[in-house]
């Protein structure tokens, strides 16, 4: 089971690095997404290597709230960008 935990840590780190590198081509929204994946990297690394149960109790609630806030923000930004690009095309 430790291998799977380490795999998630590496997966989030690779995705975060990709988002920061590709932000120059894809736009500044990638910096925000890269920050989200950096948060996921740190959270999973602390869960895997520190011995602290990061998904139980209060820490689990904090994790769910932060992830929910990021996802809600992504959806709102995406919808706003979608509508502003449609309005600019008209």
Protein backbone atom coordinates (compact mmCIF):
# COMPACT_ATOMS: atom_id res chain seq x y z
CA UNK A 1 0.00 0.00 0.00
CA UNK A 2 2.95 2.35 0.51
CA UNK A 3 3.78 2.14 -3.18
CA UNK A 4 0.37 3.49 -4.12
CA UNK A 5 0.74 6.40 -1.70
CA UNK A 6 4.12 7.26 -3.19
CA UNK A 7 2.65 6.98 -6.68
CA UNK A 8 -0.01 9.60 -5.89
CA UNK A 9 2.63 11.93 -4.49
CA UNK A 10 4.71 11.59 -7.67
CA UNK A 11 1.63 11.91 -9.90
CA UNK A 12 0.52 15.20 -8.33
CA UNK A 13 4.09 16.55 -8.49
CA UNK A 14 4.41 15.76 -12.20
CA UNK A 15 1.06 17.35 -13.00
CA UNK A 16 1.92 20.47 -10.97
CA UNK A 17 5.26 20.82 -12.73
CA UNK A 18 3.58 20.39 -16.12
CA UNK A 19 1.02 23.09 -15.31
CA UNK A 20 3.70 25.57 -14.27
CA UNK A 21 5.78 24.86 -17.38
CA UNK A 22 2.85 25.03 -19.78
CA UNK A 23 1.45 28.23 -18.28
CA UNK A 24 3.41 30.31 -20.77
CA UNK A 25 1.58 28.69 -23.69
CA UNK A 26 -1.84 28.01 -22.17
CA UNK A 27 -2.36 31.11 -20.05
CA UNK A 28 -2.20 32.29 -16.48
CA UNK A 29 -5.01 29.99 -15.33
CA UNK A 30 -2.42 27.20 -15.38
CA UNK A 31 -0.61 28.90 -12.49
CA UNK A 32 -3.72 28.56 -10.35
CA UNK A 33 -4.19 24.94 -11.40
CA UNK A 34 -0.49 24.33 -10.73
CA UNK A 35 -0.96 25.76 -7.26
CA UNK A 36 -3.82 23.35 -6.68
CA UNK A 37 -1.72 20.37 -7.75
CA UNK A 38 1.16 21.65 -5.61
CA UNK A 39 -1.21 21.65 -2.65
CA UNK A 40 -2.19 18.08 -3.51
CA UNK A 41 1.50 17.13 -3.75
CA UNK A 42 2.30 18.52 -0.32
CA UNK A 43 -0.81 16.98 1.25
CA UNK A 44 -0.15 13.51 -0.15
CA UNK A 45 3.56 13.74 0.72
CA UNK A 46 2.69 14.57 4.32
CA UNK A 47 0.24 11.67 4.38
CA UNK A 48 2.78 9.25 2.89
CA UNK A 49 5.99 10.20 4.63
CA UNK A 50 5.18 11.95 7.92
CA UNK A 51 2.95 9.32 9.49
CA UNK A 52 0.20 11.87 10.11
CA UNK A 53 -3.25 10.74 8.99
CA UNK A 54 -3.98 13.69 6.72
CA UNK A 55 -7.36 12.41 5.56
CA UNK A 56 -8.87 11.65 8.97
CA UNK A 57 -10.68 13.94 11.37
CA UNK A 58 -10.25 17.69 11.16
CA UNK A 59 -7.45 17.48 8.61
CA UNK A 60 -9.73 15.48 6.32
CA UNK A 61 -12.42 18.14 6.60
CA UNK A 62 -9.87 20.88 5.86
CA UNK A 63 -8.67 18.93 2.81
CA UNK A 64 -12.22 18.52 1.49
CA UNK A 65 -13.01 22.20 2.01
CA UNK A 66 -9.84 23.37 0.24
CA UNK A 67 -10.39 20.99 -2.68
CA UNK A 68 -14.04 22.06 -2.93
CA UNK A 69 -13.08 25.74 -2.92
CA UNK A 70 -10.46 25.19 -5.63
CA UNK A 71 -12.89 23.23 -7.80
CA UNK A 72 -15.64 25.80 -7.36
CA UNK A 73 -13.17 28.54 -8.29
CA UNK A 74 -12.04 26.64 -11.38
CA UNK A 75 -15.63 26.18 -12.55
CA UNK A 76 -16.48 29.86 -11.98
CA UNK A 77 -13.36 31.07 -13.80
CA UNK A 78 -13.98 28.65 -16.69
CA UNK A 79 -17.62 29.75 -17.06
CA UNK A 80 -16.64 33.42 -16.93
CA UNK A 81 -13.95 32.90 -19.57
CA UNK A 82 -16.37 30.91 -21.70
CA UNK A 83 -19.03 33.62 -21.63
CA UNK A 84 -16.59 36.48 -22.20
CA UNK A 85 -15.07 34.71 -25.22
CA UNK A 86 -18.59 34.08 -26.63
CA UNK A 87 -19.50 37.73 -26.10
CA UNK A 88 -16.31 38.84 -27.83
CA UNK A 89 -17.09 36.64 -30.83
CA UNK A 90 -20.50 38.27 -31.36
